[in-house]
Amino acid sequence: MVHQIISVLKERYPDALCALQYGKDYELMIAVRLSAQCTDARVNLITPALFARFDSLDAFAEADVAEVEKYVHSCGFYRQKAKDIVLACQMLREKYDRKVPDSMQELLKLPGVGRKTANLLLGDIYGQPAVVCDTHCIRICNRLGLAEGKDPEKVEMQLRAILPPEESSDFCHRIVLFGRDICTARKPQCESCPLRPLCKEFSGNTP
């Protein structure tokens, strides 16, 4: 069944791209940190000015946290996010040869980086098999019957067990697009959903 779901999502969303806009690896790390409890659309509104003001890893590493706060204020939790951004960029410069690490173990050492962020970075920057368990992914995979529960790490492990590794990162990007487009949190458009025949919640089918 998971292969059918992947096929349908591929057809509907052929370009499985991250919604966050960035040019450099550390910019993606920053954008994902800002997106916590904030929309990608909002993050994309503020990052152009942020990345123009701090136009290098050194600029972020040497930034006054209070000034970064002013740029990211509208993203919410701005004080902690600004602090994490500056500290993470300092670590990239001092410990990781100015590059975002390419392993889960090392990524989780960076301030503000959890498994969701680490998975996205591994998938988008390094093309590694990754499962990004955000709210869209958890909600929709529960509805479809691909996973159970709301714990992100547990859902991640359930999906890793059934998703082809080479498809997992793109699958998660497509799930986000699907969640915004059709399978919304408050009012899913079940009648027009291309996954309706495969959906456990809609039809009562089991995986």
C-alpha atoms as a PDB file:
ATOM      1  CA  MET A   1       0.000   0.000   0.000  1.00  0.00           C
ATOM      2  CA  VAL A   2       2.792   2.453   0.792  1.00  0.00           C
ATOM      3  CA  HIS A   3       4.101   2.091  -2.759  1.00  0.00           C
ATOM      4  CA  GLN A   4       0.672   3.054  -4.110  1.00  0.00           C
ATOM      5  CA  ILE A   5       0.590   6.113  -1.875  1.00  0.00           C
ATOM      6  CA  ILE A   6       4.065   7.134  -3.014  1.00  0.00           C
ATOM      7  CA  SER A   7       3.019   6.726  -6.646  1.00  0.00           C
ATOM      8  CA  VAL A   8      -0.091   8.889  -6.233  1.00  0.00           C
ATOM      9  CA  LEU A   9       1.846  11.621  -4.423  1.00  0.00           C
ATOM     10  CA  LYS A  10       4.571  11.575  -7.077  1.00  0.00           C
ATOM     11  CA  GLU A  11       2.015  12.091  -9.800  1.00  0.00           C
ATOM     12  CA  ARG A  12       0.331  14.974  -8.006  1.00  0.00           C
ATOM     13  CA  TYR A  13       3.506  16.632  -6.710  1.00  0.00           C
ATOM     14  CA  PRO A  14       6.329  15.784  -9.147  1.00  0.00           C
ATOM     15  CA  ASP A  15       8.641  18.421  -7.659  1.00  0.00           C
ATOM     16  CA  ALA A  16       9.330  17.291  -4.123  1.00  0.00           C
ATOM     17  CA  LEU A  17      11.028  20.444  -2.936  1.00  0.00           C
ATOM     18  CA  CYS A  18      11.507  21.939   0.484  1.00  0.00           C
ATOM     19  CA  ALA A  19       9.220  24.948   0.904  1.00  0.00           C
ATOM     20  CA  LEU A  20      11.903  26.925   2.722  1.00  0.00           C
ATOM     21  CA  GLN A  21      14.051  29.222   0.590  1.00  0.00           C
ATOM     22  CA  TYR A  22      17.808  29.145   1.041  1.00  0.00           C
ATOM     23  CA  GLY A  23      21.067  29.269  -0.881  1.00  0.00           C
ATOM     24  CA  LYS A  24      23.678  27.848   1.494  1.00  0.00           C
ATOM     25  CA  ASP A  25      23.633  24.830   3.770  1.00  0.00           C
ATOM     26  CA  TYR A  26      23.751  26.859   6.980  1.00  0.00           C
ATOM     27  CA  GLU A  27      20.896  29.045   5.674  1.00  0.00           C
ATOM     28  CA  LEU A  28      18.688  25.958   5.495  1.00  0.00           C
ATOM     29  CA  MET A  29      19.667  25.092   9.065  1.00  0.00           C
ATOM     30  CA  ILE A  30      18.653  28.605  10.136  1.00  0.00           C
ATOM     31  CA  ALA A  31      15.396  28.573   8.168  1.00  0.00           C
ATOM     32  CA  VAL A  32      14.349  25.238   9.660  1.00  0.00           C
ATOM     33  CA  ARG A  33      15.096  26.518  13.158  1.00  0.00           C
ATOM     34  CA  LEU A  34      12.917  29.556  12.498  1.00  0.00           C
ATOM     35  CA  SER A  35      10.091  27.372  11.178  1.00  0.00           C
ATOM     36  CA  ALA A  36       9.500  25.723  14.554  1.00  0.00           C
ATOM     37  CA  GLN A  37       5.933  26.641  15.553  1.00  0.00           C
ATOM     38  CA  CYS A  38       5.861  29.053  12.630  1.00  0.00           C
ATOM     39  CA  THR A  39       4.775  28.710   9.008  1.00  0.00           C
ATOM     40  CA  ASP A  40       7.255  28.253   6.183  1.00  0.00           C
ATOM     41  CA  ALA A  41       5.563  31.171   4.428  1.00  0.00           C
ATOM     42  CA  ARG A  42       6.349  33.467   7.341  1.00  0.00           C
ATOM     43  CA  VAL A  43       9.952  32.255   7.477  1.00  0.00           C
ATOM     44  CA  ASN A  44      10.365  32.915   3.749  1.00  0.00           C
ATOM     45  CA  LEU A  45       9.168  36.484   4.294  1.00  0.00           C
ATOM     46  CA  ILE A  46      11.864  37.317   6.838  1.00  0.00           C
ATOM     47  CA  THR A  47      14.898  35.309   5.670  1.00  0.00           C
ATOM     48  CA  PRO A  48      15.773  37.474   2.616  1.00  0.00           C
ATOM     49  CA  ALA A  49      16.478  40.484   4.860  1.00  0.00           C
ATOM     50  CA  LEU A  50      18.111  38.270   7.501  1.00  0.00           C
ATOM     51  CA  PHE A  51      20.452  36.614   4.997  1.00  0.00           C
ATOM     52  CA  ALA A  52      21.244  39.963   3.377  1.00  0.00           C
ATOM     53  CA  ARG A  53      22.223  41.525   6.711  1.00  0.00           C
ATOM     54  CA  PHE A  54      24.245  38.486   7.815  1.00  0.00           C
ATOM     55  CA  ASP A  55      25.627  37.373   4.475  1.00  0.00           C
ATOM     56  CA  SER A  56      28.139  34.764   5.620  1.00  0.00           C
ATOM     57  CA  LEU A  57      28.650  32.129   8.268  1.00  0.00           C
ATOM     58  CA  ASP A  58      31.144  34.463   9.945  1.00  0.00           C
ATOM     59  CA  ALA A  59      28.570  37.250  10.051  1.00  0.00           C
ATOM     60  CA  PHE A  60      26.121  35.009  11.893  1.00  0.00           C
ATOM     61  CA  ALA A  61      28.797  33.608  14.208  1.00  0.00           C
ATOM     62  CA  GLU A  62      29.862  37.109  15.189  1.00  0.00           C
ATOM     63  CA  ALA A  63      26.371  38.612  15.283  1.00  0.00           C
ATOM     64  CA  ASP A  64      24.848  40.411  18.231  1.00  0.00           C
ATOM     65  CA  VAL A  65      22.005  38.135  19.315  1.00  0.00           C
ATOM     66  CA  ALA A  66      19.838  41.179  20.046  1.00  0.00           C
ATOM     67  CA  GLU A  67      20.166  42.321  16.438  1.00  0.00           C
ATOM     68  CA  VAL A  68      19.264  38.872  15.113  1.00  0.00           C
ATOM     69  CA  GLU A  69      16.208  38.970  17.373  1.00  0.00           C
ATOM     70  CA  LYS A  70      14.939  42.059  15.552  1.00  0.00           C
ATOM     71  CA  TYR A  71      15.033  40.244  12.218  1.00  0.00           C
ATOM     72  CA  VAL A  72      13.334  37.050  13.443  1.00  0.00           C
ATOM     73  CA  HIS A  73      10.879  38.605  15.887  1.00  0.00           C
ATOM     74  CA  SER A  74       7.778  37.764  13.828  1.00  0.00           C
ATOM     75  CA  CYS A  75       8.628  34.041  13.795  1.00  0.00           C
ATOM     76  CA  GLY A  76       7.800  33.622  17.478  1.00  0.00           C
ATOM     77  CA  PHE A  77      10.068  32.408  20.287  1.00  0.00           C
ATOM     78  CA  TYR A  78      12.524  34.819  18.719  1.00  0.00           C
ATOM     79  CA  ARG A  79      14.900  35.139  21.663  1.00  0.00           C
ATOM     80  CA  GLN A  80      15.681  31.434  21.845  1.00  0.00           C
ATOM     81  CA  LYS A  81      15.773  31.086  18.073  1.00  0.00           C
ATOM     82  CA  ALA A  82      18.194  33.985  17.669  1.00  0.00           C
ATOM     83  CA  LYS A  83      20.449  32.596  20.396  1.00  0.00           C
ATOM     84  CA  ASP A  84      20.408  29.107  18.839  1.00  0.00           C
ATOM     85  CA  ILE A  85      21.217  30.498  15.386  1.00  0.00           C
ATOM     86  CA  VAL A  86      24.275  32.403  16.562  1.00  0.00           C
ATOM     87  CA  LEU A  87      25.570  29.544  18.736  1.00  0.00           C
ATOM     88  CA  ALA A  88      25.006  26.957  15.989  1.00  0.00           C
ATOM     89  CA  CYS A  89      26.897  29.066  13.453  1.00  0.00           C
ATOM     90  CA  GLN A  90      29.738  29.462  15.936  1.00  0.00           C
ATOM     91  CA  MET A  91      29.888  25.670  16.283  1.00  0.00           C
ATOM     92  CA  LEU A  92      29.890  25.188  12.508  1.00  0.00           C
ATOM     93  CA  ARG A  93      32.850  27.518  12.240  1.00  0.00           C
ATOM     94  CA  GLU A  94      34.791  26.218  15.196  1.00  0.00           C
ATOM     95  CA  LYS A  95      34.066  22.496  15.187  1.00  0.00           C
ATOM     96  CA  TYR A  96      32.716  21.426  11.799  1.00  0.00           C
ATOM     97  CA  ASP A  97      34.998  23.089   9.248  1.00  0.00           C
ATOM     98  CA  ARG A  98      32.281  25.623   8.426  1.00  0.00           C
ATOM     99  CA  LYS A  99      29.907  22.969   7.079  1.00  0.00           C
ATOM    100  CA  VAL A 100      26.641  21.537   8.307  1.00  0.00           C
ATOM    101  CA  PRO A 101      27.472  18.021   9.635  1.00  0.00           C
ATOM    102  CA  ASP A 102      26.406  15.011   7.584  1.00  0.00           C
ATOM    103  CA  SER A 103      25.398  12.703  10.425  1.00  0.00           C
ATOM    104  CA  MET A 104      22.465  12.604  12.818  1.00  0.00           C
ATOM    105  CA  GLN A 105      24.778  12.230  15.794  1.00  0.00           C
ATOM    106  CA  GLU A 106      26.701  15.411  15.043  1.00  0.00           C
ATOM    107  CA  LEU A 107      23.701  17.447  13.935  1.00  0.00           C
ATOM    108  CA  LEU A 108      21.951  16.823  17.247  1.00  0.00           C
ATOM    109  CA  LYS A 109      24.862  18.522  19.010  1.00  0.00           C
ATOM    110  CA  LEU A 110      23.978  21.844  17.396  1.00  0.00           C
ATOM    111  CA  PRO A 111      21.826  24.237  19.462  1.00  0.00           C
ATOM    112  CA  GLY A 112      18.202  24.139  18.403  1.00  0.00           C
ATOM    113  CA  VAL A 113      18.582  21.107  16.146  1.00  0.00           C
ATOM    114  CA  GLY A 114      16.325  18.145  16.889  1.00  0.00           C
ATOM    115  CA  ARG A 115      15.597  15.028  14.868  1.00  0.00           C
ATOM    116  CA  LYS A 116      13.118  16.759  12.559  1.00  0.00           C
ATOM    117  CA  THR A 117      15.616  19.451  11.611  1.00  0.00           C
ATOM    118  CA  ALA A 118      18.461  16.957  11.351  1.00  0.00           C
ATOM    119  CA  ASN A 119      16.482  14.686   9.052  1.00  0.00           C
ATOM    120  CA  LEU A 120      15.580  17.562   6.763  1.00  0.00           C
ATOM    121  CA  LEU A 121      19.208  18.691   6.560  1.00  0.00           C
ATOM    122  CA  LEU A 122      20.454  15.164   5.862  1.00  0.00           C
ATOM    123  CA  GLY A 123      17.872  14.637   3.137  1.00  0.00           C
ATOM    124  CA  ASP A 124      18.063  17.997   1.393  1.00  0.00           C
ATOM    125  CA  ILE A 125      21.763  18.765   1.691  1.00  0.00           C
ATOM    126  CA  TYR A 126      23.277  15.294   1.515  1.00  0.00           C
ATOM    127  CA  GLY A 127      20.608  13.218  -0.200  1.00  0.00           C
ATOM    128  CA  GLN A 128      20.544  10.710   2.646  1.00  0.00           C
ATOM    129  CA  PRO A 129      17.447   8.650   3.499  1.00  0.00           C
ATOM    130  CA  ALA A 130      15.526  10.873   5.885  1.00  0.00           C
ATOM    131  CA  VAL A 131      12.091  10.978   7.494  1.00  0.00           C
ATOM    132  CA  VAL A 132      10.988  14.455   8.542  1.00  0.00           C
ATOM    133  CA  CYS A 133       8.189  13.998  11.053  1.00  0.00           C
ATOM    134  CA  ASP A 134       6.484  17.354  11.263  1.00  0.00           C
ATOM    135  CA  THR A 135       2.846  17.903  12.196  1.00  0.00           C
ATOM    136  CA  HIS A 136       1.654  17.303   8.613  1.00  0.00           C
ATOM    137  CA  CYS A 137       3.534  14.009   8.365  1.00  0.00           C
ATOM    138  CA  ILE A 138       2.300  12.718  11.721  1.00  0.00           C
ATOM    139  CA  ARG A 139      -1.320  13.715  11.124  1.00  0.00           C
ATOM    140  CA  ILE A 140      -1.556  12.350   7.599  1.00  0.00           C
ATOM    141  CA  CYS A 141       0.354   9.121   8.170  1.00  0.00           C
ATOM    142  CA  ASN A 142      -1.956   8.366  11.100  1.00  0.00           C
ATOM    143  CA  ARG A 143      -4.988   9.038   8.930  1.00  0.00           C
ATOM    144  CA  LEU A 144      -3.661   6.877   6.117  1.00  0.00           C
ATOM    145  CA  GLY A 145      -2.755   4.062   8.479  1.00  0.00           C
ATOM    146  CA  LEU A 146       0.978   4.203   7.802  1.00  0.00           C
ATOM    147  CA  ALA A 147       1.788   5.027  11.416  1.00  0.00           C
ATOM    148  CA  GLU A 148       0.227   5.220  14.858  1.00  0.00           C
ATOM    149  CA  GLY A 149       0.693   7.756  17.617  1.00  0.00           C
ATOM    150  CA  LYS A 150       1.862  11.351  17.850  1.00  0.00           C
ATOM    151  CA  ASP A 151       5.407  10.904  19.128  1.00  0.00           C
ATOM    152  CA  PRO A 152       7.641  12.187  16.293  1.00  0.00           C
ATOM    153  CA  GLU A 153      10.506   9.762  16.859  1.00  0.00           C
ATOM    154  CA  LYS A 154       8.192   6.745  17.088  1.00  0.00           C
ATOM    155  CA  VAL A 155       6.383   7.778  13.910  1.00  0.00           C
ATOM    156  CA  GLU A 156       9.750   8.296  12.223  1.00  0.00           C
ATOM    157  CA  MET A 157      10.821   4.751  13.085  1.00  0.00           C
ATOM    158  CA  GLN A 158       7.519   3.289  11.882  1.00  0.00           C
ATOM    159  CA  LEU A 159       7.908   5.085   8.547  1.00  0.00           C
ATOM    160  CA  ARG A 160      11.546   4.095   8.175  1.00  0.00           C
ATOM    161  CA  ALA A 161      10.415   0.485   8.445  1.00  0.00           C
ATOM    162  CA  ILE A 162       8.062   0.745   5.455  1.00  0.00           C
ATOM    163  CA  LEU A 163       9.335   3.537   3.199  1.00  0.00           C
ATOM    164  CA  PRO A 164      11.917   2.731   0.507  1.00  0.00           C
ATOM    165  CA  PRO A 165      15.016   4.648   1.708  1.00  0.00           C
ATOM    166  CA  GLU A 166      15.491   6.364  -1.642  1.00  0.00           C
ATOM    167  CA  GLU A 167      11.922   7.688  -1.490  1.00  0.00           C
ATOM    168  CA  SER A 168      11.684   8.724   2.149  1.00  0.00           C
ATOM    169  CA  SER A 169      12.915  12.321   1.974  1.00  0.00           C
ATOM    170  CA  ASP A 170      10.828  13.219  -1.088  1.00  0.00           C
ATOM    171  CA  PHE A 171       7.831  11.423   0.440  1.00  0.00           C
ATOM    172  CA  CYS A 172       7.970  13.758   3.439  1.00  0.00           C
ATOM    173  CA  HIS A 173       8.155  16.860   1.257  1.00  0.00           C
ATOM    174  CA  ARG A 174       5.169  15.643  -0.736  1.00  0.00           C
ATOM    175  CA  ILE A 175       3.226  14.891   2.437  1.00  0.00           C
ATOM    176  CA  VAL A 176       3.694  18.512   3.508  1.00  0.00           C
ATOM    177  CA  LEU A 177       2.354  19.738   0.160  1.00  0.00           C
ATOM    178  CA  PHE A 178      -0.542  17.281   0.404  1.00  0.00           C
ATOM    179  CA  GLY A 179      -1.292  18.413   3.959  1.00  0.00           C
ATOM    180  CA  ARG A 180      -1.530  22.045   2.915  1.00  0.00           C
ATOM    181  CA  ASP A 181      -3.424  21.316  -0.277  1.00  0.00           C
ATOM    182  CA  ILE A 182      -5.948  18.600   0.618  1.00  0.00           C
ATOM    183  CA  CYS A 183      -5.484  16.761   3.913  1.00  0.00           C
ATOM    184  CA  THR A 184      -5.653  19.817   6.124  1.00  0.00           C
ATOM    185  CA  ALA A 185      -5.858  19.590   9.885  1.00  0.00           C
ATOM    186  CA  ARG A 186      -9.278  21.137  10.394  1.00  0.00           C
ATOM    187  CA  LYS A 187     -11.179  20.274   7.238  1.00  0.00           C
ATOM    188  CA  PRO A 188      -9.651  17.584   5.017  1.00  0.00           C
ATOM    189  CA  GLN A 189     -11.068  17.548   1.502  1.00  0.00           C
ATOM    190  CA  CYS A 190     -11.823  13.833   1.480  1.00  0.00           C
ATOM    191  CA  GLU A 191     -14.251  13.942  -1.436  1.00  0.00           C
ATOM    192  CA  SER A 192     -11.561  15.183  -3.822  1.00  0.00           C
ATOM    193  CA  CYS A 193      -8.620  13.347  -2.263  1.00  0.00           C
ATOM    194  CA  PRO A 194      -6.577  11.172  -4.642  1.00  0.00           C
ATOM    195  CA  LEU A 195      -5.589   8.967  -1.685  1.00  0.00           C
ATOM    196  CA  ARG A 196      -9.152   8.346  -0.541  1.00  0.00           C
ATOM    197  CA  PRO A 197      -9.238   4.683  -1.724  1.00  0.00           C
ATOM    198  CA  LEU A 198      -6.052   4.035   0.272  1.00  0.00           C
ATOM    199  CA  CYS A 199      -6.978   5.951   3.418  1.00  0.00           C
ATOM    200  CA  LYS A 200      -7.610   3.977   6.583  1.00  0.00           C
ATOM    201  CA  GLU A 201      -9.503   6.802   8.296  1.00  0.00           C
ATOM    202  CA  PHE A 202     -11.824   7.425   5.344  1.00  0.00           C
ATOM    203  CA  SER A 203     -12.568   3.855   4.310  1.00  0.00           C
ATOM    204  CA  GLY A 204     -11.739   1.791   7.364  1.00  0.00           C
ATOM    205  CA  ASN A 205      -9.134  -0.115   5.389  1.00  0.00           C
ATOM    206  CA  THR A 206      -6.048  -1.452   7.115  1.00  0.00           C
ATOM    207  CA  PRO A 207      -2.549  -1.056   5.677  1.00  0.00           C
END
